[in-house]
Amino acid sequence: MKKPILAITIPCYNEELCIENTVNSLFEVLDDLIKKDKIDLSSFIYLVDDGSTDKTWEIISKLHNKHARVRGLKFIRNYGNQKAHIAGLLGVRKLCCDCVVSIDADLQQDQWAIEKFIDKFMQGYDIVSGIRNSRDTDTFWKKTTAICFYKTMNLLGVKIPMNHSDFRLVSKKALDILAQYPEKEIFLRGFFNEVGLKSSIVNFDVKPREQGESKFNYMTLFALALNGITSFSIMPLRIIAAVGFLMALFAVGLGLEVIYEKVILDSTPNGWATLVILLAFFGGLQLFCMGIIGEYVGQVFKEVKARPRYIIETELI
């Protein structure tokens, strides 16, 4: 069987402290796989600079000039981690690779697990998802919110494996399908689990970050979660419709109770304090529901404008 050309894509944002060590570590992985006759000699690394403000692009350019198997792409500004992942995937598609592995620049994900990804690919799998063995390296709050996110996504009908990350292998066939999707705010974890190609998983351990610090904060993670929900499920809108119907039934029942007390019992209806509490509760609920609807309207607004996902300043191939 023909040895596959493997591309490794790495989104980078202000990673000057670690990017050179990361590339050298991945060279070791590529050399090991080539030595074992598992990948083609022309396999390469593709770095996407997501509008860094430090020396990240300078280092990438230096690595490209020194090593033929280092390619790079630079955004004109910061567009976010998901856009950088997409740019990497679509960028290597043009360079005729057979499969691509995406991995984070900090190499907290185990780079030596890439061999397992390749083994799965050679067994005929088009999508191989990396699944963390544990979240021991996360804080209690991050671990709790991550579990809530995955459980919520599954309840809403988006079947994403627990502890799934953007550490994955996809085939050229999967890349061709991705290229057909014009969505600007596509959520990759949802997309690759919904596309329907033959899929498998690889478990890996997460290592502590050795240099620099994570560029993710709770706001960016919350935005990513909202994007994932609104991109792949309309269940929240249906829940809002059901809640609205139940609220209407409750209002009718409350109205009948007031009429009964006034007309039949000839007494002033009691429970004004309760009524005030209910008004405040349902007012807050309505605003919450309007917020959810607003998120969907916002998604439609972004798509209708049809602006490019990102603008490329420079590409080194």
C-alpha atoms as a PDB file:
ATOM      1  CA  MET A   1       0.000   0.000   0.000  1.00  0.00           C
ATOM      2  CA  LYS A   2       1.183   3.512  -0.851  1.00  0.00           C
ATOM      3  CA  LYS A   3       2.679   5.372   2.090  1.00  0.00           C
ATOM      4  CA  PRO A   4       0.570   8.435   2.926  1.00  0.00           C
ATOM      5  CA  ILE A   5       1.835  12.012   2.818  1.00  0.00           C
ATOM      6  CA  LEU A   6       1.146  13.343   6.306  1.00  0.00           C
ATOM      7  CA  ALA A   7       0.678  17.027   7.094  1.00  0.00           C
ATOM      8  CA  ILE A   8       0.705  18.314  10.667  1.00  0.00           C
ATOM      9  CA  THR A   9      -1.103  21.624  11.159  1.00  0.00           C
ATOM     10  CA  ILE A  10      -0.457  23.878  14.151  1.00  0.00           C
ATOM     11  CA  PRO A  11      -2.427  27.055  14.951  1.00  0.00           C
ATOM     12  CA  CYS A  12      -0.138  29.614  16.605  1.00  0.00           C
ATOM     13  CA  TYR A  13      -0.914  32.785  18.509  1.00  0.00           C
ATOM     14  CA  ASN A  14       1.956  34.475  20.351  1.00  0.00           C
ATOM     15  CA  GLU A  15       3.881  31.227  20.705  1.00  0.00           C
ATOM     16  CA  GLU A  16       7.440  32.561  20.349  1.00  0.00           C
ATOM     17  CA  LEU A  17       8.536  30.786  23.528  1.00  0.00           C
ATOM     18  CA  CYS A  18       7.641  27.289  22.374  1.00  0.00           C
ATOM     19  CA  ILE A  19       7.146  27.120  18.614  1.00  0.00           C
ATOM     20  CA  GLU A  20      10.742  26.175  17.693  1.00  0.00           C
ATOM     21  CA  ASN A  21      10.864  23.401  20.297  1.00  0.00           C
ATOM     22  CA  THR A  22       7.454  22.209  19.093  1.00  0.00           C
ATOM     23  CA  VAL A  23       8.614  21.964  15.488  1.00  0.00           C
ATOM     24  CA  ASN A  24      11.790  20.115  16.499  1.00  0.00           C
ATOM     25  CA  SER A  25       9.724  17.663  18.580  1.00  0.00           C
ATOM     26  CA  LEU A  26       7.438  17.038  15.614  1.00  0.00           C
ATOM     27  CA  PHE A  27      10.466  16.512  13.363  1.00  0.00           C
ATOM     28  CA  GLU A  28      11.389  13.631  15.671  1.00  0.00           C
ATOM     29  CA  VAL A  29       7.901  12.166  15.240  1.00  0.00           C
ATOM     30  CA  LEU A  30       8.035  12.517  11.434  1.00  0.00           C
ATOM     31  CA  ASP A  31      11.525  11.001  11.254  1.00  0.00           C
ATOM     32  CA  ASP A  32      10.433   8.081  13.434  1.00  0.00           C
ATOM     33  CA  LEU A  33       7.374   7.411  11.242  1.00  0.00           C
ATOM     34  CA  ILE A  34       9.470   7.650   8.070  1.00  0.00           C
ATOM     35  CA  LYS A  35      12.034   5.268   9.550  1.00  0.00           C
ATOM     36  CA  LYS A  36       9.218   2.821  10.354  1.00  0.00           C
ATOM     37  CA  ASP A  37       8.048   3.157   6.731  1.00  0.00           C
ATOM     38  CA  LYS A  38       4.611   4.459   7.800  1.00  0.00           C
ATOM     39  CA  ILE A  39       4.573   7.825   6.012  1.00  0.00           C
ATOM     40  CA  ASP A  40       6.061   9.343   2.877  1.00  0.00           C
ATOM     41  CA  LEU A  41       9.326  11.313   2.896  1.00  0.00           C
ATOM     42  CA  SER A  42       7.478  14.398   1.632  1.00  0.00           C
ATOM     43  CA  SER A  43       5.377  14.702   4.817  1.00  0.00           C
ATOM     44  CA  PHE A  44       5.505  18.208   6.300  1.00  0.00           C
ATOM     45  CA  ILE A  45       4.493  20.653   9.044  1.00  0.00           C
ATOM     46  CA  TYR A  46       2.124  23.565   8.354  1.00  0.00           C
ATOM     47  CA  LEU A  47       2.047  26.449  10.850  1.00  0.00           C
ATOM     48  CA  VAL A  48      -0.767  29.007  10.914  1.00  0.00           C
ATOM     49  CA  ASP A  49       0.067  32.325  12.589  1.00  0.00           C
ATOM     50  CA  ASP A  50      -3.233  33.683  13.878  1.00  0.00           C
ATOM     51  CA  GLY A  51      -2.181  37.347  13.873  1.00  0.00           C
ATOM     52  CA  SER A  52       0.537  37.047  16.522  1.00  0.00           C
ATOM     53  CA  THR A  53       2.014  40.271  17.952  1.00  0.00           C
ATOM     54  CA  ASP A  54       5.295  38.721  19.071  1.00  0.00           C
ATOM     55  CA  LYS A  55       8.094  37.044  17.077  1.00  0.00           C
ATOM     56  CA  THR A  56       6.089  33.925  16.179  1.00  0.00           C
ATOM     57  CA  TRP A  57       5.999  34.650  12.427  1.00  0.00           C
ATOM     58  CA  GLU A  58       9.665  35.616  12.393  1.00  0.00           C
ATOM     59  CA  ILE A  59      10.509  32.226  13.903  1.00  0.00           C
ATOM     60  CA  ILE A  60       8.216  30.405  11.457  1.00  0.00           C
ATOM     61  CA  SER A  61       9.895  32.181   8.522  1.00  0.00           C
ATOM     62  CA  LYS A  62      13.330  31.206   9.849  1.00  0.00           C
ATOM     63  CA  LEU A  63      12.262  27.573  10.222  1.00  0.00           C
ATOM     64  CA  HIS A  64      10.815  27.588   6.685  1.00  0.00           C
ATOM     65  CA  ASN A  65      14.079  28.919   5.231  1.00  0.00           C
ATOM     66  CA  LYS A  66      16.055  26.312   7.151  1.00  0.00           C
ATOM     67  CA  HIS A  67      13.796  23.285   6.630  1.00  0.00           C
ATOM     68  CA  ALA A  68      11.976  22.492   3.388  1.00  0.00           C
ATOM     69  CA  ARG A  69       9.292  20.541   5.219  1.00  0.00           C
ATOM     70  CA  VAL A  70       8.121  23.552   7.227  1.00  0.00           C
ATOM     71  CA  ARG A  71       5.352  25.545   5.556  1.00  0.00           C
ATOM     72  CA  GLY A  72       3.520  28.524   6.977  1.00  0.00           C
ATOM     73  CA  LEU A  73       0.597  30.913   6.681  1.00  0.00           C
ATOM     74  CA  LYS A  74       0.041  34.263   8.372  1.00  0.00           C
ATOM     75  CA  PHE A  75      -3.323  35.974   8.996  1.00  0.00           C
ATOM     76  CA  ILE A  76      -3.530  39.734   8.617  1.00  0.00           C
ATOM     77  CA  ARG A  77      -4.991  39.863  12.155  1.00  0.00           C
ATOM     78  CA  ASN A  78      -6.215  37.554  14.894  1.00  0.00           C
ATOM     79  CA  TYR A  79      -9.311  35.566  13.849  1.00  0.00           C
ATOM     80  CA  GLY A  80      -9.431  32.902  16.556  1.00  0.00           C
ATOM     81  CA  ASN A  81      -8.331  29.326  17.092  1.00  0.00           C
ATOM     82  CA  GLN A  82     -11.113  27.669  15.062  1.00  0.00           C
ATOM     83  CA  LYS A  83     -10.398  29.838  12.000  1.00  0.00           C
ATOM     84  CA  ALA A  84      -6.705  29.003  12.301  1.00  0.00           C
ATOM     85  CA  HIS A  85      -7.526  25.286  12.399  1.00  0.00           C
ATOM     86  CA  ILE A  86      -9.738  25.634   9.312  1.00  0.00           C
ATOM     87  CA  ALA A  87      -7.056  27.605   7.456  1.00  0.00           C
ATOM     88  CA  GLY A  88      -4.540  24.888   8.265  1.00  0.00           C
ATOM     89  CA  LEU A  89      -6.805  22.107   7.047  1.00  0.00           C
ATOM     90  CA  LEU A  90      -7.750  23.863   3.813  1.00  0.00           C
ATOM     91  CA  GLY A  91      -4.165  25.023   3.289  1.00  0.00           C
ATOM     92  CA  VAL A  92      -2.668  21.517   3.375  1.00  0.00           C
ATOM     93  CA  ARG A  93      -5.509  20.247   1.170  1.00  0.00           C
ATOM     94  CA  LYS A  94      -4.084  22.359  -1.656  1.00  0.00           C
ATOM     95  CA  LEU A  95      -0.654  20.828  -1.054  1.00  0.00           C
ATOM     96  CA  CYS A  96      -1.864  17.314  -1.909  1.00  0.00           C
ATOM     97  CA  CYS A  97      -1.455  15.545   1.419  1.00  0.00           C
ATOM     98  CA  ASP A  98      -3.240  12.224   2.037  1.00  0.00           C
ATOM     99  CA  CYS A  99      -4.080  12.954   5.667  1.00  0.00           C
ATOM    100  CA  VAL A 100      -3.576  15.709   8.192  1.00  0.00           C
ATOM    101  CA  VAL A 101      -3.182  15.795  11.962  1.00  0.00           C
ATOM    102  CA  SER A 102      -4.016  19.024  13.814  1.00  0.00           C
ATOM    103  CA  ILE A 103      -2.277  19.636  17.131  1.00  0.00           C
ATOM    104  CA  ASP A 104      -1.836  22.592  19.496  1.00  0.00           C
ATOM    105  CA  ALA A 105       1.389  24.606  19.532  1.00  0.00           C
ATOM    106  CA  ASP A 106       2.065  23.947  23.227  1.00  0.00           C
ATOM    107  CA  LEU A 107       2.283  20.169  22.623  1.00  0.00           C
ATOM    108  CA  GLN A 108       0.276  19.394  25.741  1.00  0.00           C
ATOM    109  CA  GLN A 109      -1.297  16.765  23.523  1.00  0.00           C
ATOM    110  CA  ASP A 110       0.989  13.749  23.165  1.00  0.00           C
ATOM    111  CA  GLN A 111       2.711  14.087  19.795  1.00  0.00           C
ATOM    112  CA  TRP A 112       3.812  10.446  19.901  1.00  0.00           C
ATOM    113  CA  ALA A 113       0.146   9.420  19.679  1.00  0.00           C
ATOM    114  CA  ILE A 114       0.304  10.527  16.017  1.00  0.00           C
ATOM    115  CA  GLU A 115       1.611   7.049  15.159  1.00  0.00           C
ATOM    116  CA  LYS A 116      -1.659   5.585  16.468  1.00  0.00           C
ATOM    117  CA  PHE A 117      -3.581   8.042  14.290  1.00  0.00           C
ATOM    118  CA  ILE A 118      -1.645   6.873  11.230  1.00  0.00           C
ATOM    119  CA  ASP A 119      -2.290   3.222  12.096  1.00  0.00           C
ATOM    120  CA  LYS A 120      -6.023   3.933  12.262  1.00  0.00           C
ATOM    121  CA  PHE A 121      -5.872   5.811   8.957  1.00  0.00           C
ATOM    122  CA  MET A 122      -4.159   2.851   7.285  1.00  0.00           C
ATOM    123  CA  GLN A 123      -6.977   0.658   8.593  1.00  0.00           C
ATOM    124  CA  GLY A 124      -9.407   2.729   6.514  1.00  0.00           C
ATOM    125  CA  TYR A 125     -10.653   5.395   8.919  1.00  0.00           C
ATOM    126  CA  ASP A 126     -11.202   8.881   7.480  1.00  0.00           C
ATOM    127  CA  ILE A 127     -11.561  10.644  10.831  1.00  0.00           C
ATOM    128  CA  VAL A 128      -9.617   9.736  13.970  1.00  0.00           C
ATOM    129  CA  SER A 129     -10.477  11.826  17.024  1.00  0.00           C
ATOM    130  CA  GLY A 130      -8.127  12.327  19.943  1.00  0.00           C
ATOM    131  CA  ILE A 131      -9.787  11.690  23.314  1.00  0.00           C
ATOM    132  CA  ARG A 132      -8.133  12.793  26.549  1.00  0.00           C
ATOM    133  CA  ASN A 133      -7.671  10.039  29.115  1.00  0.00           C
ATOM    134  CA  SER A 134      -8.381  12.501  31.932  1.00  0.00           C
ATOM    135  CA  ARG A 135      -8.696  16.196  32.749  1.00  0.00           C
ATOM    136  CA  ASP A 136      -6.322  16.083  35.732  1.00  0.00           C
ATOM    137  CA  THR A 137      -4.300  19.009  34.380  1.00  0.00           C
ATOM    138  CA  ASP A 138      -7.394  21.280  34.386  1.00  0.00           C
ATOM    139  CA  THR A 139      -8.647  23.406  37.249  1.00  0.00           C
ATOM    140  CA  PHE A 140     -11.808  22.257  39.025  1.00  0.00           C
ATOM    141  CA  TRP A 141     -13.849  25.010  37.356  1.00  0.00           C
ATOM    142  CA  LYS A 142     -12.542  24.286  33.854  1.00  0.00           C
ATOM    143  CA  LYS A 143     -13.077  20.553  34.328  1.00  0.00           C
ATOM    144  CA  THR A 144     -16.664  21.091  35.555  1.00  0.00           C
ATOM    145  CA  THR A 145     -17.613  23.488  32.763  1.00  0.00           C
ATOM    146  CA  ALA A 146     -16.075  21.182  30.131  1.00  0.00           C
ATOM    147  CA  ILE A 147     -18.117  18.214  31.386  1.00  0.00           C
ATOM    148  CA  CYS A 148     -21.274  20.369  31.390  1.00  0.00           C
ATOM    149  CA  PHE A 149     -20.553  21.481  27.818  1.00  0.00           C
ATOM    150  CA  TYR A 150     -20.154  17.955  26.436  1.00  0.00           C
ATOM    151  CA  LYS A 151     -23.229  16.684  28.276  1.00  0.00           C
ATOM    152  CA  THR A 152     -25.279  19.675  27.099  1.00  0.00           C
ATOM    153  CA  MET A 153     -24.178  19.179  23.492  1.00  0.00           C
ATOM    154  CA  ASN A 154     -25.172  15.520  23.612  1.00  0.00           C
ATOM    155  CA  LEU A 155     -28.552  16.355  25.192  1.00  0.00           C
ATOM    156  CA  LEU A 156     -29.160  18.836  22.373  1.00  0.00           C
ATOM    157  CA  GLY A 157     -28.500  16.151  19.782  1.00  0.00           C
ATOM    158  CA  VAL A 158     -24.873  16.944  18.855  1.00  0.00           C
ATOM    159  CA  LYS A 159     -23.031  13.691  19.495  1.00  0.00           C
ATOM    160  CA  ILE A 160     -19.511  14.745  20.502  1.00  0.00           C
ATOM    161  CA  PRO A 161     -17.414  12.253  22.501  1.00  0.00           C
ATOM    162  CA  MET A 162     -16.557  13.333  26.037  1.00  0.00           C
ATOM    163  CA  ASN A 163     -13.106  14.984  26.329  1.00  0.00           C
ATOM    164  CA  HIS A 164     -12.783  15.307  22.558  1.00  0.00           C
ATOM    165  CA  SER A 165     -10.283  17.936  21.408  1.00  0.00           C
ATOM    166  CA  ASP A 166      -9.005  19.456  18.161  1.00  0.00           C
ATOM    167  CA  PHE A 167      -6.222  16.850  18.175  1.00  0.00           C
ATOM    168  CA  ARG A 168      -7.395  14.670  15.304  1.00  0.00           C
ATOM    169  CA  LEU A 169      -6.513  13.093  11.985  1.00  0.00           C
ATOM    170  CA  VAL A 170      -8.669  13.595   8.911  1.00  0.00           C
ATOM    171  CA  SER A 171      -8.255  12.169   5.443  1.00  0.00           C
ATOM    172  CA  LYS A 172      -8.137  13.971   2.097  1.00  0.00           C
ATOM    173  CA  LYS A 173     -11.719  12.814   1.560  1.00  0.00           C
ATOM    174  CA  ALA A 174     -12.820  14.574   4.756  1.00  0.00           C
ATOM    175  CA  LEU A 175     -10.939  17.719   3.706  1.00  0.00           C
ATOM    176  CA  ASP A 176     -12.735  17.702   0.345  1.00  0.00           C
ATOM    177  CA  ILE A 177     -16.070  17.571   2.163  1.00  0.00           C
ATOM    178  CA  LEU A 178     -15.023  20.389   4.537  1.00  0.00           C
ATOM    179  CA  ALA A 179     -14.151  22.549   1.515  1.00  0.00           C
ATOM    180  CA  GLN A 180     -17.777  22.250   0.340  1.00  0.00           C
ATOM    181  CA  TYR A 181     -19.087  23.914   3.523  1.00  0.00           C
ATOM    182  CA  PRO A 182     -19.261  27.708   3.092  1.00  0.00           C
ATOM    183  CA  GLU A 183     -20.207  28.396   6.741  1.00  0.00           C
ATOM    184  CA  LYS A 184     -18.092  31.118   8.338  1.00  0.00           C
ATOM    185  CA  GLU A 185     -18.587  29.944  11.941  1.00  0.00           C
ATOM    186  CA  ILE A 186     -18.303  26.185  11.478  1.00  0.00           C
ATOM    187  CA  PHE A 187     -17.587  24.230  14.680  1.00  0.00           C
ATOM    188  CA  LEU A 188     -15.023  21.581  13.743  1.00  0.00           C
ATOM    189  CA  ARG A 189     -15.657  19.159  16.602  1.00  0.00           C
ATOM    190  CA  GLY A 190     -19.309  19.017  15.666  1.00  0.00           C
ATOM    191  CA  PHE A 191     -18.646  18.920  11.926  1.00  0.00           C
ATOM    192  CA  PHE A 192     -16.272  15.970  11.935  1.00  0.00           C
ATOM    193  CA  ASN A 193     -18.541  13.978  14.250  1.00  0.00           C
ATOM    194  CA  GLU A 194     -21.626  14.686  12.117  1.00  0.00           C
ATOM    195  CA  VAL A 195     -20.206  14.303   8.610  1.00  0.00           C
ATOM    196  CA  GLY A 196     -20.759  10.537   8.533  1.00  0.00           C
ATOM    197  CA  LEU A 197     -17.378   9.222   7.385  1.00  0.00           C
ATOM    198  CA  LYS A 198     -15.801   6.131   8.929  1.00  0.00           C
ATOM    199  CA  SER A 199     -14.466   7.253  12.305  1.00  0.00           C
ATOM    200  CA  SER A 200     -12.398   5.971  15.208  1.00  0.00           C
ATOM    201  CA  ILE A 201     -10.730   7.341  18.334  1.00  0.00           C
ATOM    202  CA  VAL A 202      -7.263   7.416  19.896  1.00  0.00           C
ATOM    203  CA  ASN A 203      -6.787   8.016  23.604  1.00  0.00           C
ATOM    204  CA  PHE A 204      -3.908  10.176  24.770  1.00  0.00           C
ATOM    205  CA  ASP A 205      -2.525  11.789  27.913  1.00  0.00           C
ATOM    206  CA  VAL A 206      -2.278  15.545  28.360  1.00  0.00           C
ATOM    207  CA  LYS A 207       1.066  16.936  29.502  1.00  0.00           C
ATOM    208  CA  PRO A 208       1.627  20.124  31.514  1.00  0.00           C
ATOM    209  CA  ARG A 209       2.454  23.158  29.400  1.00  0.00           C
ATOM    210  CA  GLU A 210       6.223  23.704  29.541  1.00  0.00           C
ATOM    211  CA  GLN A 211       6.510  27.248  28.160  1.00  0.00           C
ATOM    212  CA  GLY A 212       4.217  30.237  27.713  1.00  0.00           C
ATOM    213  CA  GLU A 213       0.607  30.269  28.786  1.00  0.00           C
ATOM    214  CA  SER A 214      -2.712  29.214  27.322  1.00  0.00           C
ATOM    215  CA  LYS A 215      -4.397  31.780  25.062  1.00  0.00           C
ATOM    216  CA  PHE A 216      -7.827  30.431  25.999  1.00  0.00           C
ATOM    217  CA  ASN A 217      -9.783  32.132  28.770  1.00  0.00           C
ATOM    218  CA  TYR A 218     -13.277  31.493  30.064  1.00  0.00           C
ATOM    219  CA  MET A 219     -14.809  34.074  27.705  1.00  0.00           C
ATOM    220  CA  THR A 220     -13.270  32.507  24.596  1.00  0.00           C
ATOM    221  CA  LEU A 221     -14.248  29.022  25.763  1.00  0.00           C
ATOM    222  CA  PHE A 222     -17.808  30.241  26.442  1.00  0.00           C
ATOM    223  CA  ALA A 223     -17.953  31.796  22.958  1.00  0.00           C
ATOM    224  CA  LEU A 224     -16.695  28.513  21.462  1.00  0.00           C
ATOM    225  CA  ALA A 225     -19.391  26.583  23.337  1.00  0.00           C
ATOM    226  CA  LEU A 226     -22.133  28.959  22.140  1.00  0.00           C
ATOM    227  CA  ASN A 227     -20.866  28.659  18.581  1.00  0.00           C
ATOM    228  CA  GLY A 228     -20.924  24.881  18.836  1.00  0.00           C
ATOM    229  CA  ILE A 229     -24.508  24.823  20.110  1.00  0.00           C
ATOM    230  CA  THR A 230     -25.929  27.335  17.632  1.00  0.00           C
ATOM    231  CA  SER A 231     -24.023  25.790  14.695  1.00  0.00           C
ATOM    232  CA  PHE A 232     -25.308  22.259  15.111  1.00  0.00           C
ATOM    233  CA  SER A 233     -28.564  22.275  17.054  1.00  0.00           C
ATOM    234  CA  ILE A 234     -31.899  24.102  16.933  1.00  0.00           C
ATOM    235  CA  MET A 235     -33.055  22.287  20.050  1.00  0.00           C
ATOM    236  CA  PRO A 236     -32.779  25.451  22.225  1.00  0.00           C
ATOM    237  CA  LEU A 237     -35.295  27.174  19.931  1.00  0.00           C
ATOM    238  CA  ARG A 238     -37.682  24.250  20.298  1.00  0.00           C
ATOM    239  CA  ILE A 239     -37.251  24.333  24.076  1.00  0.00           C
ATOM    240  CA  ILE A 240     -38.124  28.046  24.022  1.00  0.00           C
ATOM    241  CA  ALA A 241     -41.262  27.283  22.008  1.00  0.00           C
ATOM    242  CA  ALA A 242     -42.282  24.583  24.517  1.00  0.00           C
ATOM    243  CA  VAL A 243     -41.582  26.887  27.485  1.00  0.00           C
ATOM    244  CA  GLY A 244     -43.651  29.628  25.839  1.00  0.00           C
ATOM    245  CA  PHE A 245     -46.575  27.243  25.368  1.00  0.00           C
ATOM    246  CA  LEU A 246     -46.385  26.118  29.018  1.00  0.00           C
ATOM    247  CA  MET A 247     -46.230  29.731  30.178  1.00  0.00           C
ATOM    248  CA  ALA A 248     -49.374  30.472  28.169  1.00  0.00           C
ATOM    249  CA  LEU A 249     -51.175  27.530  29.759  1.00  0.00           C
ATOM    250  CA  PHE A 250     -50.061  28.691  33.201  1.00  0.00           C
ATOM    251  CA  ALA A 251     -51.334  32.204  32.482  1.00  0.00           C
ATOM    252  CA  VAL A 252     -54.722  30.844  31.390  1.00  0.00           C
ATOM    253  CA  GLY A 253     -54.977  28.738  34.544  1.00  0.00           C
ATOM    254  CA  LEU A 254     -54.024  31.698  36.736  1.00  0.00           C
ATOM    255  CA  GLY A 255     -56.601  33.879  34.973  1.00  0.00           C
ATOM    256  CA  LEU A 256     -59.361  31.311  35.532  1.00  0.00           C
ATOM    257  CA  GLU A 257     -58.410  31.083  39.217  1.00  0.00           C
ATOM    258  CA  VAL A 258     -58.679  34.876  39.607  1.00  0.00           C
ATOM    259  CA  ILE A 259     -62.083  34.941  37.861  1.00  0.00           C
ATOM    260  CA  TYR A 260     -63.324  32.133  40.093  1.00  0.00           C
ATOM    261  CA  GLU A 261     -62.312  33.963  43.276  1.00  0.00           C
ATOM    262  CA  LYS A 262     -63.842  37.253  42.119  1.00  0.00           C
ATOM    263  CA  VAL A 263     -67.087  36.037  40.525  1.00  0.00           C
ATOM    264  CA  ILE A 264     -67.962  32.854  42.412  1.00  0.00           C
ATOM    265  CA  LEU A 265     -66.465  33.531  45.849  1.00  0.00           C
ATOM    266  CA  ASP A 266     -66.968  37.322  45.619  1.00  0.00           C
ATOM    267  CA  SER A 267     -63.606  38.006  47.250  1.00  0.00           C
ATOM    268  CA  THR A 268     -60.510  39.920  46.263  1.00  0.00           C
ATOM    269  CA  PRO A 269     -57.964  37.469  44.852  1.00  0.00           C
ATOM    270  CA  ASN A 270     -55.025  36.807  47.197  1.00  0.00           C
ATOM    271  CA  GLY A 271     -51.378  36.271  46.326  1.00  0.00           C
ATOM    272  CA  TRP A 272     -50.191  39.619  45.042  1.00  0.00           C
ATOM    273  CA  ALA A 273     -46.687  38.989  46.423  1.00  0.00           C
ATOM    274  CA  THR A 274     -46.636  35.686  44.568  1.00  0.00           C
ATOM    275  CA  LEU A 275     -47.792  37.461  41.433  1.00  0.00           C
ATOM    276  CA  VAL A 276     -44.928  39.973  41.656  1.00  0.00           C
ATOM    277  CA  ILE A 277     -42.409  37.141  42.068  1.00  0.00           C
ATOM    278  CA  LEU A 278     -43.900  35.308  39.099  1.00  0.00           C
ATOM    279  CA  LEU A 279     -43.768  38.441  36.959  1.00  0.00           C
ATOM    280  CA  ALA A 280     -40.103  38.947  37.828  1.00  0.00           C
ATOM    281  CA  PHE A 281     -39.309  35.272  37.158  1.00  0.00           C
ATOM    282  CA  PHE A 282     -41.077  35.083  33.824  1.00  0.00           C
ATOM    283  CA  GLY A 283     -39.674  38.483  32.811  1.00  0.00           C
ATOM    284  CA  GLY A 284     -36.168  37.150  33.404  1.00  0.00           C
ATOM    285  CA  LEU A 285     -37.017  33.933  31.578  1.00  0.00           C
ATOM    286  CA  GLN A 286     -38.281  35.890  28.586  1.00  0.00           C
ATOM    287  CA  LEU A 287     -35.083  37.936  28.433  1.00  0.00           C
ATOM    288  CA  PHE A 288     -33.037  34.728  28.644  1.00  0.00           C
ATOM    289  CA  CYS A 289     -35.037  33.191  25.793  1.00  0.00           C
ATOM    290  CA  MET A 290     -34.637  36.363  23.743  1.00  0.00           C
ATOM    291  CA  GLY A 291     -30.887  36.114  24.331  1.00  0.00           C
ATOM    292  CA  ILE A 292     -30.821  32.569  22.928  1.00  0.00           C
ATOM    293  CA  ILE A 293     -32.850  33.658  19.910  1.00  0.00           C
ATOM    294  CA  GLY A 294     -30.437  36.575  19.532  1.00  0.00           C
ATOM    295  CA  GLU A 295     -27.510  34.152  19.319  1.00  0.00           C
ATOM    296  CA  TYR A 296     -29.162  32.367  16.400  1.00  0.00           C
ATOM    297  CA  VAL A 297     -30.027  35.671  14.720  1.00  0.00           C
ATOM    298  CA  GLY A 298     -26.403  36.717  15.187  1.00  0.00           C
ATOM    299  CA  GLN A 299     -25.209  33.520  13.502  1.00  0.00           C
ATOM    300  CA  VAL A 300     -27.544  34.160  10.565  1.00  0.00           C
ATOM    301  CA  PHE A 301     -26.353  37.783  10.396  1.00  0.00           C
ATOM    302  CA  LYS A 302     -22.709  36.683  10.148  1.00  0.00           C
ATOM    303  CA  GLU A 303     -23.464  34.125   7.448  1.00  0.00           C
ATOM    304  CA  VAL A 304     -25.663  36.453   5.373  1.00  0.00           C
ATOM    305  CA  LYS A 305     -22.914  39.080   5.178  1.00  0.00           C
ATOM    306  CA  ALA A 306     -20.769  36.401   3.497  1.00  0.00           C
ATOM    307  CA  ARG A 307     -17.498  37.945   4.604  1.00  0.00           C
ATOM    308  CA  PRO A 308     -14.351  35.779   4.277  1.00  0.00           C
ATOM    309  CA  ARG A 309     -13.481  33.573   7.249  1.00  0.00           C
ATOM    310  CA  TYR A 310     -10.026  35.128   7.365  1.00  0.00           C
ATOM    311  CA  ILE A 311      -7.611  37.172   5.250  1.00  0.00           C
ATOM    312  CA  ILE A 312      -4.182  35.727   4.512  1.00  0.00           C
ATOM    313  CA  GLU A 313      -1.246  38.136   4.593  1.00  0.00           C
ATOM    314  CA  THR A 314       1.545  35.727   3.636  1.00  0.00           C
ATOM    315  CA  GLU A 315       1.930  32.042   2.835  1.00  0.00           C
ATOM    316  CA  LEU A 316       5.192  30.107   2.756  1.00  0.00           C
ATOM    317  CA  ILE A 317       5.025  26.924   0.690  1.00  0.00           C
END
